[in-house]
Protein backbone atom coordinates (compact mmCIF):
# COMPACT_ATOMS: atom_id res chain seq x y z
CA MET A 1 -17.91 23.37 3.43
CA GLU A 2 -21.46 23.25 4.81
CA ARG A 3 -22.71 24.91 1.60
CA LEU A 4 -20.84 22.33 -0.48
CA LEU A 5 -22.30 19.43 1.49
CA GLY A 6 -25.76 20.98 1.18
CA ARG A 7 -25.44 21.26 -2.60
CA MET A 8 -24.21 17.69 -2.84
CA ASP A 9 -27.13 16.46 -0.74
CA ALA A 10 -29.52 18.17 -3.15
CA LEU A 11 -28.38 15.94 -6.00
CA SER A 12 -30.53 12.90 -6.66
CA CYS A 13 -29.19 9.48 -5.78
CA ARG A 14 -30.84 7.97 -8.86
CA SER A 15 -30.32 8.40 -12.58
CA ASP A 16 -33.37 6.44 -13.78
CA LEU A 17 -36.01 9.03 -12.93
CA PRO A 18 -38.28 9.93 -15.88
CA ASP A 19 -37.69 13.67 -15.45
CA ASN A 20 -33.92 13.35 -15.31
CA PRO A 21 -32.52 14.84 -18.53
CA GLU A 22 -28.89 14.60 -17.44
CA ASN A 23 -26.32 12.47 -19.25
CA VAL A 24 -24.27 12.16 -16.07
CA ASP A 25 -25.44 10.29 -12.99
CA PRO A 26 -25.97 12.87 -10.20
CA TRP A 27 -24.52 10.52 -7.59
CA ASN A 28 -21.38 10.20 -9.69
CA VAL A 29 -20.92 13.97 -9.66
CA ARG A 30 -21.56 14.11 -5.92
CA GLU A 31 -19.11 11.36 -5.05
CA ALA A 32 -16.44 12.69 -7.41
CA VAL A 33 -16.62 16.17 -5.88
CA LEU A 34 -16.59 14.75 -2.36
CA GLY A 35 -13.62 12.58 -3.33
CA ILE A 36 -11.70 15.67 -4.44
CA GLY A 37 -12.57 17.26 -1.11
CA CYS A 38 -11.24 14.20 0.72
CA ALA A 39 -7.95 14.40 -1.14
CA ALA A 40 -7.63 18.12 -0.39
CA ALA A 41 -8.41 17.60 3.30
CA ASP A 42 -5.83 14.82 3.47
CA ALA A 43 -3.19 17.03 1.85
CA MET A 44 -3.94 19.79 4.38
CA GLY A 45 -3.86 17.44 7.35
CA ALA A 46 -7.51 18.21 8.11
CA TRP A 47 -8.28 14.73 9.36
CA GLU A 48 -11.66 15.45 10.99
CA LEU A 49 -12.86 17.18 7.83
CA GLU A 50 -11.65 14.24 5.75
CA LEU A 51 -13.65 11.85 7.93
CA THR A 52 -16.75 14.03 7.51
CA LEU A 53 -16.38 13.97 3.73
CA ILE A 54 -15.81 10.23 3.68
CA GLU A 55 -19.00 9.76 5.66
CA ALA A 56 -20.81 11.86 3.04
CA VAL A 57 -19.52 9.59 0.28
CA LEU A 58 -20.61 6.52 2.25
CA ALA A 59 -24.08 8.00 2.76
CA SER A 60 -24.38 8.58 -0.99
CA GLN A 61 -23.27 5.02 -1.78
CA ARG A 62 -25.69 3.51 0.70
CA ALA A 63 -28.55 5.61 -0.64
CA ARG A 64 -28.01 4.25 -4.14
CA ASP A 65 -27.42 0.66 -2.95
CA ALA A 66 -23.85 0.61 -4.19
CA PRO A 67 -22.05 -2.77 -4.24
CA ASP A 68 -20.53 -3.80 -0.94
CA THR A 69 -17.03 -3.64 -2.42
CA ASP A 70 -17.57 0.02 -3.36
CA THR A 71 -18.57 0.98 0.16
CA ALA A 72 -15.72 -1.12 1.58
CA GLN A 73 -13.26 0.76 -0.65
CA THR A 74 -14.56 4.05 0.73
CA LEU A 75 -14.62 2.75 4.30
CA PHE A 76 -10.98 1.71 3.85
CA ASN A 77 -10.09 5.38 3.37
CA ARG A 78 -11.12 6.12 6.97
CA TYR A 79 -8.19 4.23 8.44
CA GLY A 80 -5.56 6.83 7.52
CA PRO A 81 -7.16 9.86 9.18
CA LEU A 82 -8.31 7.74 12.13
CA GLN A 83 -4.76 6.54 12.69
CA ARG A 84 -3.35 10.07 12.45
CA LEU A 85 -5.91 11.26 14.99
CA GLY A 86 -4.71 8.55 17.38
CA ARG A 87 -7.93 6.55 17.08
CA VAL A 88 -5.97 3.40 16.35
CA ASP A 89 -8.49 0.87 17.64
CA GLU A 90 -11.14 2.37 15.36
CA ALA A 91 -8.76 2.23 12.42
CA ARG A 92 -8.09 -1.43 13.12
CA GLU A 93 -11.81 -2.19 13.34
CA VAL A 94 -12.47 -0.43 10.03
CA LEU A 95 -9.79 -2.46 8.27
CA THR A 96 -10.97 -5.74 9.79
CA ASP A 97 -14.49 -5.06 8.52
CA CYS A 98 -13.20 -4.11 5.06
CA ARG A 99 -11.08 -7.22 4.79
CA ALA A 100 -14.07 -9.41 5.62
CA VAL A 101 -16.07 -7.82 2.77
CA PHE A 102 -13.23 -8.18 0.26
CA ALA A 103 -12.68 -11.80 1.27
CA ARG A 104 -16.38 -12.57 0.88
CA GLU A 105 -16.31 -11.06 -2.60
CA GLN A 106 -13.02 -12.88 -3.37
CA ASP A 107 -11.20 -9.65 -4.21
CA TRP A 108 -7.82 -11.03 -3.17
CA GLU A 109 -5.74 -8.01 -4.13
CA GLN A 110 -7.86 -5.80 -1.88
CA VAL A 111 -7.64 -8.42 0.87
CA ALA A 112 -3.84 -8.20 0.61
CA LEU A 113 -3.83 -4.39 0.55
CA THR A 114 -6.06 -4.27 3.60
CA THR A 115 -3.83 -6.77 5.38
CA GLY A 116 -0.88 -4.51 4.65
CA ALA A 117 -2.78 -1.56 6.13
CA LEU A 118 -3.49 -3.65 9.23
CA ALA A 119 0.25 -4.28 9.49
CA ASP A 120 0.80 -0.52 9.44
CA VAL A 121 -1.74 -0.04 12.24
CA GLU A 122 -0.19 -2.81 14.35
CA ALA A 123 3.26 -1.28 13.89
CA GLY A 124 1.82 2.01 15.13
CA ARG A 125 0.50 0.20 18.20
CA GLY A 126 3.99 -1.13 18.91
CA HIS A 127 3.09 -4.69 17.91
CA THR A 128 6.08 -5.12 15.60
CA GLU A 129 6.04 -8.91 15.39
CA VAL A 130 2.36 -8.88 14.45
CA ALA A 131 3.12 -6.20 11.85
CA VAL A 132 5.87 -8.34 10.31
CA SER A 133 3.56 -11.36 10.14
CA LEU A 134 0.72 -9.36 8.56
CA MET A 135 3.00 -7.60 6.08
CA THR A 136 4.49 -10.94 5.03
CA GLU A 137 0.97 -12.27 4.49
CA ALA A 138 0.06 -9.13 2.52
CA LEU A 139 3.10 -9.40 0.26
CA LEU A 140 2.40 -13.04 -0.52
CA GLY A 141 -1.23 -12.14 -1.19
CA LEU A 142 -0.22 -9.41 -3.65
CA TYR A 143 1.99 -11.83 -5.57
CA GLY A 144 -0.73 -14.46 -5.44
CA ALA A 145 -3.39 -12.09 -6.79
CA GLY A 146 -1.30 -11.72 -9.94
CA SER A 147 -2.69 -8.30 -10.81
CA ALA A 148 -0.96 -6.04 -8.29
CA HIS A 149 0.84 -3.03 -9.74
CA VAL A 150 4.62 -3.12 -9.42
CA GLN A 151 4.51 0.10 -7.40
CA THR A 152 2.27 -1.68 -4.89
CA LEU A 153 4.73 -4.57 -4.66
CA ARG A 154 7.61 -2.13 -4.23
CA VAL A 155 5.91 -0.42 -1.30
CA ALA A 156 5.04 -3.78 0.29
CA HIS A 157 8.67 -4.95 0.11
CA HIS A 158 9.82 -1.64 1.59
CA ASN A 159 7.30 -1.72 4.43
CA LEU A 160 8.23 -5.28 5.32
CA ALA A 161 11.89 -4.22 5.49
CA VAL A 162 11.00 -1.33 7.81
CA PHE A 163 8.93 -3.55 10.11
CA LEU A 164 11.66 -6.20 10.24
CA ALA A 165 14.25 -3.54 11.10
CA SER A 166 12.00 -2.18 13.86
CA SER A 167 11.65 -5.48 15.68
CA PRO A 168 13.15 -5.34 19.19
CA GLU A 169 13.90 -9.06 18.91
CA ARG A 170 15.53 -8.91 15.50
CA THR A 171 17.62 -11.95 14.63
CA PRO A 172 20.45 -12.24 12.08
CA GLU A 173 17.90 -13.86 9.75
CA ASP A 174 15.63 -10.84 10.19
CA ALA A 175 18.53 -8.55 9.28
CA ARG A 176 19.11 -10.58 6.12
CA ARG A 177 15.42 -10.40 5.19
CA THR A 178 15.47 -6.65 5.82
CA LEU A 179 18.33 -6.28 3.35
CA LEU A 180 16.72 -8.50 0.71
CA HIS A 181 13.27 -6.93 0.85
CA GLY A 182 14.69 -3.42 1.12
CA LEU A 183 16.95 -3.75 -1.90
CA THR A 184 14.23 -5.56 -3.87
CA SER A 185 12.10 -2.48 -3.26
CA VAL A 186 14.92 -0.26 -4.55
CA LEU A 187 15.37 -2.40 -7.66
CA LEU A 188 11.65 -2.36 -8.51
CA GLY A 189 11.56 1.38 -7.99
CA ALA A 190 14.56 1.89 -10.25
CA LEU A 191 12.98 -0.20 -13.01
CA VAL A 192 9.53 1.42 -12.85
CA ASP A 193 9.66 4.83 -11.18
CA GLY A 194 13.23 5.93 -11.81
CA VAL A 195 13.85 6.40 -8.09
CA ASP A 196 17.09 7.97 -6.90
CA LEU A 197 19.21 4.87 -6.41
CA GLY A 198 21.64 6.61 -4.09
CA ALA A 199 19.02 7.98 -1.71
CA ALA A 200 16.88 4.83 -1.75
CA THR A 201 19.80 2.47 -1.18
CA ARG A 202 21.27 4.61 1.62
CA LEU A 203 17.88 4.54 3.32
CA ILE A 204 17.97 0.74 3.36
CA HIS A 205 21.51 0.93 4.71
CA LEU A 206 20.15 2.83 7.71
CA LEU A 207 17.86 -0.15 8.35
CA VAL A 208 20.70 -2.67 8.04
CA PRO A 209 23.87 -1.15 9.48
CA GLY A 210 27.03 -3.19 9.23
CA HIS A 211 28.60 -5.22 6.48
CA GLU A 212 25.77 -7.46 5.28
CA PRO A 213 26.59 -8.27 1.63
CA PRO A 214 23.78 -8.23 -0.94
CA PRO A 215 23.42 -10.90 -3.62
CA ALA A 216 26.01 -10.23 -6.31
CA THR A 217 23.60 -10.65 -9.23
CA PRO A 218 19.83 -10.31 -9.76
CA GLU A 219 19.75 -14.02 -10.51
CA GLU A 220 21.07 -14.71 -7.01
CA LEU A 221 18.52 -12.28 -5.56
CA VAL A 222 15.68 -14.05 -7.36
CA THR A 223 16.88 -17.46 -6.21
CA VAL A 224 16.83 -16.38 -2.58
CA MET A 225 13.57 -14.42 -2.73
CA ASP A 226 11.58 -16.96 -4.74
CA ALA A 227 12.64 -19.71 -2.37
CA GLU A 228 9.90 -18.34 -0.12
CA PRO A 229 6.68 -20.09 -1.21
CA GLY A 230 4.36 -17.67 -2.95
CA LEU A 231 6.93 -15.08 -4.04
CA ARG A 232 7.42 -14.77 -7.80
CA LEU A 233 9.95 -12.00 -8.20
CA ALA A 234 11.38 -13.63 -11.32
CA ASP A 235 8.02 -13.27 -13.11
CA VAL A 236 7.71 -9.62 -12.12
CA LEU A 237 11.22 -8.73 -13.28
CA ALA A 238 10.67 -10.54 -16.58
CA ARG A 239 7.60 -8.37 -17.22
CA LEU A 240 9.42 -5.15 -16.42
CA ALA A 241 12.68 -5.26 -18.34
CA THR A 242 15.18 -7.33 -20.25
CA PRO A 243 17.68 -9.40 -18.26
CA GLU A 244 20.41 -6.97 -19.31
CA GLU A 245 18.47 -3.97 -17.99
CA VAL A 246 17.78 -5.76 -14.71
CA ARG A 247 21.48 -6.63 -14.33
CA GLU A 248 22.47 -3.03 -15.04
CA LYS A 249 20.12 -1.65 -12.39
CA TRP A 250 21.10 -4.27 -9.83
CA SER A 251 24.80 -3.58 -10.39
CA ALA A 252 24.12 0.08 -9.70
CA VAL A 253 22.25 -0.82 -6.50
CA VAL A 254 25.11 -3.05 -5.31
CA GLU A 255 27.65 -0.33 -6.13
CA VAL A 256 25.78 2.28 -4.10
CA TRP A 257 25.29 -0.21 -1.25
CA THR A 258 28.98 -1.03 -1.15
CA GLY A 259 29.89 2.67 -1.17
CA ALA A 260 27.46 3.45 1.65
CA ARG A 261 28.78 0.52 3.66
CA ASP A 262 32.38 1.70 3.26
CA ASP A 263 31.65 5.32 4.24
């Protein structure tokens, strides 16, 4: 690893030098290779190594005067390994700094994603109510940005359901929101990723034990969900599939839910 970092450091940070015959920017090669190393370290659970490689990417970006949003994107990647190492306060500080940069640059999708990551950190600190509030804000921000990938929305709905279910002061209304956001996540996953409906729906059932009935139709689901200002589930579903396809998937979700409830 030291040899790799040494070779990466030897690459120029600039591509406009008169004696540079390369067609590829050296810094691009360096940061791409380091990025692969980060992914490998993450997969191996080598959190300290991942942090070292992220710092190398940041050093390269700073040396070439990369845009603030680029360095903030890289800095964002520190929060995962920091959290796994138990350095939760540092992870929170990193995300707070990143969110300030994204807000200044009016990158609202990244603001929402960073807010969702802050919710994850707060949940890890045992601050469940704060996590629920932040995840709700993040979800509304993702819908408001208008460009968020459906997979990102699916994960946000799922995480909000998990945080709601984890609240020690959960109310009947919280249980209902857990069900709605959890099953919305399942529906989006079924429409986009082909998730296992049985496994995904049973997982939500673990979060909402009992006999809470889901909306009978996707139209009823949309009416309830979009009653919350800022949510536009109807628009998302219309982009993904025909009304018939949405009804078919939702019927399958309700069928699995009912079967899990009756077991």
